[in-house]
């Protein structure tokens, strides 16, 4: 004769095992959402940390006020936690520091993302900026102009170079457009729009 015995609720040992497995997988997931990179050349030393599962916290220390503000905007709008420390040959200009920060931040993005699409439209004063991102396919196009040659420690032609370098090293296609407003408003709107687009694309990943 055979008797069917109800299995009943999981034992305490089984419950503990399930919680342990869940915690293990959660830790692995969090691990793959974070990275830290360091790069040293004759011109610059760059340290970057990126956490896609953050809350928009930022720590920017590049000795270039506008670049620091751009990093803070990217973190705030994307909801990524971003930390950047950079030391460069600023007496020769901002080009190397701006470029190498873009290389390292882009490399961190490429390491943590594979695919996804995001876009955003952001106003700042009378400026309206648009950004569209597609992860996994490098490319770049833009449509905006600045009035001045430099702003807060950055030659504004290098801002365009920053965006292009970020996209190609980040392995994503980036389309940027801004109309109206002054240079400050354009920089703010562009970086906030880019941050929001990247945040959307990472969630779409």
C-alpha atoms as a PDB file:
ATOM      1  CA  UNK A   1       0.000   0.000   0.000  1.00  0.00           C
ATOM      2  CA  UNK A   2       1.216   3.453  -0.859  1.00  0.00           C
ATOM      3  CA  UNK A   3       0.433   6.664   0.972  1.00  0.00           C
ATOM      4  CA  UNK A   4       0.679  10.149  -0.531  1.00  0.00           C
ATOM      5  CA  UNK A   5       2.349  12.415   1.985  1.00  0.00           C
ATOM      6  CA  UNK A   6       1.910  16.219   1.488  1.00  0.00           C
ATOM      7  CA  UNK A   7       5.257  17.888   1.017  1.00  0.00           C
ATOM      8  CA  UNK A   8       4.179  20.846   3.163  1.00  0.00           C
ATOM      9  CA  UNK A   9       5.939  24.198   3.271  1.00  0.00           C
ATOM     10  CA  UNK A  10       9.671  24.334   2.616  1.00  0.00           C
ATOM     11  CA  UNK A  11      11.836  23.534   5.607  1.00  0.00           C
ATOM     12  CA  UNK A  12      13.844  26.229   7.321  1.00  0.00           C
ATOM     13  CA  UNK A  13      16.964  24.869   5.666  1.00  0.00           C
ATOM     14  CA  UNK A  14      15.331  25.090   2.230  1.00  0.00           C
ATOM     15  CA  UNK A  15      14.067  28.614   2.932  1.00  0.00           C
ATOM     16  CA  UNK A  16      17.559  29.656   3.969  1.00  0.00           C
ATOM     17  CA  UNK A  17      18.997  28.077   0.836  1.00  0.00           C
ATOM     18  CA  UNK A  18      16.522  29.960  -1.387  1.00  0.00           C
ATOM     19  CA  UNK A  19      17.295  33.254   0.350  1.00  0.00           C
ATOM     20  CA  UNK A  20      21.004  32.548  -0.036  1.00  0.00           C
ATOM     21  CA  UNK A  21      20.619  31.863  -3.779  1.00  0.00           C
ATOM     22  CA  UNK A  22      18.518  35.019  -4.231  1.00  0.00           C
ATOM     23  CA  UNK A  23      21.128  37.096  -2.394  1.00  0.00           C
ATOM     24  CA  UNK A  24      23.902  35.529  -4.466  1.00  0.00           C
ATOM     25  CA  UNK A  25      22.199  36.395  -7.748  1.00  0.00           C
ATOM     26  CA  UNK A  26      21.383  39.918  -6.525  1.00  0.00           C
ATOM     27  CA  UNK A  27      25.022  40.480  -5.613  1.00  0.00           C
ATOM     28  CA  UNK A  28      26.144  39.208  -9.016  1.00  0.00           C
ATOM     29  CA  UNK A  29      23.633  41.556 -10.720  1.00  0.00           C
ATOM     30  CA  UNK A  30      24.864  44.523  -8.707  1.00  0.00           C
ATOM     31  CA  UNK A  31      28.470  43.596  -9.453  1.00  0.00           C
ATOM     32  CA  UNK A  32      27.859  43.765 -13.188  1.00  0.00           C
ATOM     33  CA  UNK A  33      26.280  47.217 -12.835  1.00  0.00           C
ATOM     34  CA  UNK A  34      29.445  48.764 -11.416  1.00  0.00           C
ATOM     35  CA  UNK A  35      32.957  49.313 -12.653  1.00  0.00           C
ATOM     36  CA  UNK A  36      36.048  51.369 -11.854  1.00  0.00           C
ATOM     37  CA  UNK A  37      38.759  52.201 -14.377  1.00  0.00           C
ATOM     38  CA  UNK A  38      42.102  54.004 -14.265  1.00  0.00           C
ATOM     39  CA  UNK A  39      44.255  55.308 -17.101  1.00  0.00           C
ATOM     40  CA  UNK A  40      47.608  57.069 -16.919  1.00  0.00           C
ATOM     41  CA  UNK A  41      49.423  58.652 -19.862  1.00  0.00           C
ATOM     42  CA  UNK A  42      52.156  61.220 -20.248  1.00  0.00           C
ATOM     43  CA  UNK A  43      49.491  63.939 -20.312  1.00  0.00           C
ATOM     44  CA  UNK A  44      46.786  62.775 -17.882  1.00  0.00           C
ATOM     45  CA  UNK A  45      45.800  60.497 -15.031  1.00  0.00           C
ATOM     46  CA  UNK A  46      42.105  59.601 -15.027  1.00  0.00           C
ATOM     47  CA  UNK A  47      40.097  57.576 -12.498  1.00  0.00           C
ATOM     48  CA  UNK A  48      36.445  56.785 -13.224  1.00  0.00           C
ATOM     49  CA  UNK A  49      33.814  54.857 -11.273  1.00  0.00           C
ATOM     50  CA  UNK A  50      30.361  54.163 -12.700  1.00  0.00           C
ATOM     51  CA  UNK A  51      27.318  52.536 -11.088  1.00  0.00           C
ATOM     52  CA  UNK A  52      24.308  52.091 -13.368  1.00  0.00           C
ATOM     53  CA  UNK A  53      22.145  51.185 -10.389  1.00  0.00           C
ATOM     54  CA  UNK A  54      22.809  54.412  -8.537  1.00  0.00           C
ATOM     55  CA  UNK A  55      20.671  57.418  -7.694  1.00  0.00           C
ATOM     56  CA  UNK A  56      22.403  60.216  -9.601  1.00  0.00           C
ATOM     57  CA  UNK A  57      25.213  60.906  -7.157  1.00  0.00           C
ATOM     58  CA  UNK A  58      28.364  62.447  -8.583  1.00  0.00           C
ATOM     59  CA  UNK A  59      31.870  63.397  -7.599  1.00  0.00           C
ATOM     60  CA  UNK A  60      33.715  65.394 -10.246  1.00  0.00           C
ATOM     61  CA  UNK A  61      37.261  66.617  -9.672  1.00  0.00           C
ATOM     62  CA  UNK A  62      38.940  67.555 -12.961  1.00  0.00           C
ATOM     63  CA  UNK A  63      40.198  71.103 -12.248  1.00  0.00           C
ATOM     64  CA  UNK A  64      37.965  72.224 -15.159  1.00  0.00           C
ATOM     65  CA  UNK A  65      34.743  73.860 -13.891  1.00  0.00           C
ATOM     66  CA  UNK A  66      32.654  73.239 -17.009  1.00  0.00           C
ATOM     67  CA  UNK A  67      33.747  69.611 -17.294  1.00  0.00           C
ATOM     68  CA  UNK A  68      32.854  69.059 -13.633  1.00  0.00           C
ATOM     69  CA  UNK A  69      29.405  70.548 -14.272  1.00  0.00           C
ATOM     70  CA  UNK A  70      28.894  68.344 -17.326  1.00  0.00           C
ATOM     71  CA  UNK A  71      29.698  65.215 -15.300  1.00  0.00           C
ATOM     72  CA  UNK A  72      27.286  66.277 -12.548  1.00  0.00           C
ATOM     73  CA  UNK A  73      24.556  66.857 -15.143  1.00  0.00           C
ATOM     74  CA  UNK A  74      25.133  63.453 -16.737  1.00  0.00           C
ATOM     75  CA  UNK A  75      24.901  61.709 -13.372  1.00  0.00           C
ATOM     76  CA  UNK A  76      21.820  63.617 -12.251  1.00  0.00           C
ATOM     77  CA  UNK A  77      19.880  63.049 -15.469  1.00  0.00           C
ATOM     78  CA  UNK A  78      20.874  59.403 -16.021  1.00  0.00           C
ATOM     79  CA  UNK A  79      20.509  58.394 -12.360  1.00  0.00           C
ATOM     80  CA  UNK A  80      23.940  56.781 -12.630  1.00  0.00           C
ATOM     81  CA  UNK A  81      26.430  57.300  -9.819  1.00  0.00           C
ATOM     82  CA  UNK A  82      29.540  58.771 -11.451  1.00  0.00           C
ATOM     83  CA  UNK A  83      32.900  59.604  -9.911  1.00  0.00           C
ATOM     84  CA  UNK A  84      35.683  61.177 -11.978  1.00  0.00           C
ATOM     85  CA  UNK A  85      39.087  62.345 -10.814  1.00  0.00           C
ATOM     86  CA  UNK A  86      41.373  63.787 -13.474  1.00  0.00           C
ATOM     87  CA  UNK A  87      44.749  65.459 -13.469  1.00  0.00           C
ATOM     88  CA  UNK A  88      46.045  66.732 -16.777  1.00  0.00           C
ATOM     89  CA  UNK A  89      48.499  69.054 -18.474  1.00  0.00           C
ATOM     90  CA  UNK A  90      46.153  72.044 -18.222  1.00  0.00           C
ATOM     91  CA  UNK A  91      48.883  74.656 -18.852  1.00  0.00           C
ATOM     92  CA  UNK A  92      48.926  73.343 -22.440  1.00  0.00           C
ATOM     93  CA  UNK A  93      45.120  73.486 -22.673  1.00  0.00           C
ATOM     94  CA  UNK A  94      42.083  71.418 -21.749  1.00  0.00           C
ATOM     95  CA  UNK A  95      42.080  69.114 -24.791  1.00  0.00           C
ATOM     96  CA  UNK A  96      43.893  66.102 -23.321  1.00  0.00           C
ATOM     97  CA  UNK A  97      41.935  66.129 -20.061  1.00  0.00           C
ATOM     98  CA  UNK A  98      38.548  66.533 -21.763  1.00  0.00           C
ATOM     99  CA  UNK A  99      39.354  63.814 -24.288  1.00  0.00           C
ATOM    100  CA  UNK A 100      40.742  61.312 -21.781  1.00  0.00           C
ATOM    101  CA  UNK A 101      37.797  61.760 -19.389  1.00  0.00           C
ATOM    102  CA  UNK A 102      35.482  60.995 -22.334  1.00  0.00           C
ATOM    103  CA  UNK A 103      37.557  57.931 -23.233  1.00  0.00           C
ATOM    104  CA  UNK A 104      37.399  56.519 -19.709  1.00  0.00           C
ATOM    105  CA  UNK A 105      33.759  57.341 -19.033  1.00  0.00           C
ATOM    106  CA  UNK A 106      32.822  55.899 -22.416  1.00  0.00           C
ATOM    107  CA  UNK A 107      34.850  52.756 -21.731  1.00  0.00           C
ATOM    108  CA  UNK A 108      32.990  52.293 -18.440  1.00  0.00           C
ATOM    109  CA  UNK A 109      29.638  52.624 -20.205  1.00  0.00           C
ATOM    110  CA  UNK A 110      30.706  50.115 -22.879  1.00  0.00           C
ATOM    111  CA  UNK A 111      31.799  47.636 -20.210  1.00  0.00           C
ATOM    112  CA  UNK A 112      28.415  47.676 -18.465  1.00  0.00           C
ATOM    113  CA  UNK A 113      25.956  47.940 -21.370  1.00  0.00           C
ATOM    114  CA  UNK A 114      25.224  45.905 -24.489  1.00  0.00           C
ATOM    115  CA  UNK A 115      22.089  47.190 -26.175  1.00  0.00           C
ATOM    116  CA  UNK A 116      19.210  49.566 -25.604  1.00  0.00           C
ATOM    117  CA  UNK A 117      17.609  52.718 -26.998  1.00  0.00           C
ATOM    118  CA  UNK A 118      16.796  55.991 -25.287  1.00  0.00           C
ATOM    119  CA  UNK A 119      15.976  59.578 -26.216  1.00  0.00           C
ATOM    120  CA  UNK A 120      15.169  62.826 -24.455  1.00  0.00           C
ATOM    121  CA  UNK A 121      14.261  66.439 -25.105  1.00  0.00           C
ATOM    122  CA  UNK A 122      15.328  68.957 -22.441  1.00  0.00           C
ATOM    123  CA  UNK A 123      14.843  72.735 -22.231  1.00  0.00           C
ATOM    124  CA  UNK A 124      17.155  75.196 -20.511  1.00  0.00           C
ATOM    125  CA  UNK A 125      15.951  78.757 -20.691  1.00  0.00           C
ATOM    126  CA  UNK A 126      15.130  79.365 -24.338  1.00  0.00           C
ATOM    127  CA  UNK A 127      17.387  76.517 -25.491  1.00  0.00           C
ATOM    128  CA  UNK A 128      15.877  73.182 -26.487  1.00  0.00           C
ATOM    129  CA  UNK A 129      18.179  70.169 -26.766  1.00  0.00           C
ATOM    130  CA  UNK A 130      17.525  66.657 -28.028  1.00  0.00           C
ATOM    131  CA  UNK A 131      19.583  63.505 -27.554  1.00  0.00           C
ATOM    132  CA  UNK A 132      19.040  60.012 -28.945  1.00  0.00           C
ATOM    133  CA  UNK A 133      21.160  57.000 -28.007  1.00  0.00           C
ATOM    134  CA  UNK A 134      21.445  53.451 -29.317  1.00  0.00           C
ATOM    135  CA  UNK A 135      23.776  51.223 -27.313  1.00  0.00           C
ATOM    136  CA  UNK A 136      25.955  48.699 -29.115  1.00  0.00           C
ATOM    137  CA  UNK A 137      26.376  50.621 -32.376  1.00  0.00           C
ATOM    138  CA  UNK A 138      29.033  53.393 -32.333  1.00  0.00           C
ATOM    139  CA  UNK A 139      28.299  56.566 -34.266  1.00  0.00           C
ATOM    140  CA  UNK A 140      27.895  60.301 -33.811  1.00  0.00           C
ATOM    141  CA  UNK A 141      26.133  63.278 -35.345  1.00  0.00           C
ATOM    142  CA  UNK A 142      25.303  66.733 -34.010  1.00  0.00           C
ATOM    143  CA  UNK A 143      23.594  69.971 -34.901  1.00  0.00           C
ATOM    144  CA  UNK A 144      24.416  72.892 -32.609  1.00  0.00           C
ATOM    145  CA  UNK A 145      26.700  75.911 -32.529  1.00  0.00           C
ATOM    146  CA  UNK A 146      28.313  77.970 -29.788  1.00  0.00           C
ATOM    147  CA  UNK A 147      28.789  81.727 -29.804  1.00  0.00           C
ATOM    148  CA  UNK A 148      32.009  81.942 -27.763  1.00  0.00           C
ATOM    149  CA  UNK A 149      35.315  80.129 -28.182  1.00  0.00           C
ATOM    150  CA  UNK A 150      35.580  78.964 -24.572  1.00  0.00           C
ATOM    151  CA  UNK A 151      33.511  78.641 -21.426  1.00  0.00           C
ATOM    152  CA  UNK A 152      34.624  77.930 -17.852  1.00  0.00           C
ATOM    153  CA  UNK A 153      37.926  76.304 -18.753  1.00  0.00           C
ATOM    154  CA  UNK A 154      36.819  74.427 -21.885  1.00  0.00           C
ATOM    155  CA  UNK A 155      37.431  75.336 -25.495  1.00  0.00           C
ATOM    156  CA  UNK A 156      33.929  74.758 -26.789  1.00  0.00           C
ATOM    157  CA  UNK A 157      35.159  72.920 -29.869  1.00  0.00           C
ATOM    158  CA  UNK A 158      36.430  70.345 -27.363  1.00  0.00           C
ATOM    159  CA  UNK A 159      32.904  69.862 -26.030  1.00  0.00           C
ATOM    160  CA  UNK A 160      31.913  68.460 -29.408  1.00  0.00           C
ATOM    161  CA  UNK A 161      35.025  66.289 -29.286  1.00  0.00           C
ATOM    162  CA  UNK A 162      34.020  65.102 -25.794  1.00  0.00           C
ATOM    163  CA  UNK A 163      30.612  63.976 -27.026  1.00  0.00           C
ATOM    164  CA  UNK A 164      32.018  62.179 -30.072  1.00  0.00           C
ATOM    165  CA  UNK A 165      34.771  60.490 -28.050  1.00  0.00           C
ATOM    166  CA  UNK A 166      32.277  59.422 -25.377  1.00  0.00           C
ATOM    167  CA  UNK A 167      30.008  57.847 -27.987  1.00  0.00           C
ATOM    168  CA  UNK A 168      32.713  55.918 -29.842  1.00  0.00           C
ATOM    169  CA  UNK A 169      34.437  54.669 -26.686  1.00  0.00           C
ATOM    170  CA  UNK A 170      31.051  53.946 -25.126  1.00  0.00           C
ATOM    171  CA  UNK A 171      30.064  51.881 -28.178  1.00  0.00           C
ATOM    172  CA  UNK A 172      26.821  53.758 -28.749  1.00  0.00           C
ATOM    173  CA  UNK A 173      25.310  55.911 -31.461  1.00  0.00           C
ATOM    174  CA  UNK A 174      24.634  59.472 -30.323  1.00  0.00           C
ATOM    175  CA  UNK A 175      22.574  62.118 -32.081  1.00  0.00           C
ATOM    176  CA  UNK A 176      22.587  65.599 -30.519  1.00  0.00           C
ATOM    177  CA  UNK A 177      20.735  68.763 -31.451  1.00  0.00           C
ATOM    178  CA  UNK A 178      20.288  72.132 -29.712  1.00  0.00           C
ATOM    179  CA  UNK A 179      18.604  75.353 -30.834  1.00  0.00           C
ATOM    180  CA  UNK A 180      18.219  78.731 -29.152  1.00  0.00           C
ATOM    181  CA  UNK A 181      19.666  79.985 -25.899  1.00  0.00           C
ATOM    182  CA  UNK A 182      23.163  81.014 -24.890  1.00  0.00           C
ATOM    183  CA  UNK A 183      26.212  78.788 -24.536  1.00  0.00           C
ATOM    184  CA  UNK A 184      25.550  77.949 -20.870  1.00  0.00           C
ATOM    185  CA  UNK A 185      21.999  76.908 -21.656  1.00  0.00           C
ATOM    186  CA  UNK A 186      23.130  74.769 -24.572  1.00  0.00           C
ATOM    187  CA  UNK A 187      25.743  72.930 -22.498  1.00  0.00           C
ATOM    188  CA  UNK A 188      23.270  72.316 -19.685  1.00  0.00           C
ATOM    189  CA  UNK A 189      20.449  71.171 -21.965  1.00  0.00           C
ATOM    190  CA  UNK A 190      22.727  68.932 -24.060  1.00  0.00           C
ATOM    191  CA  UNK A 191      24.318  67.155 -21.096  1.00  0.00           C
ATOM    192  CA  UNK A 192      20.988  66.691 -19.310  1.00  0.00           C
ATOM    193  CA  UNK A 193      19.354  65.351 -22.483  1.00  0.00           C
ATOM    194  CA  UNK A 194      22.281  62.977 -23.031  1.00  0.00           C
ATOM    195  CA  UNK A 195      22.121  61.775 -19.435  1.00  0.00           C
ATOM    196  CA  UNK A 196      18.385  61.079 -19.644  1.00  0.00           C
ATOM    197  CA  UNK A 197      18.825  59.246 -22.961  1.00  0.00           C
ATOM    198  CA  UNK A 198      21.626  57.087 -21.561  1.00  0.00           C
ATOM    199  CA  UNK A 199      19.565  56.281 -18.479  1.00  0.00           C
ATOM    200  CA  UNK A 200      16.645  55.178 -20.640  1.00  0.00           C
ATOM    201  CA  UNK A 201      18.894  53.114 -22.896  1.00  0.00           C
ATOM    202  CA  UNK A 202      20.498  51.347 -19.923  1.00  0.00           C
ATOM    203  CA  UNK A 203      17.050  50.438 -18.586  1.00  0.00           C
ATOM    204  CA  UNK A 204      16.160  49.154 -22.045  1.00  0.00           C
ATOM    205  CA  UNK A 205      19.281  46.956 -22.013  1.00  0.00           C
END
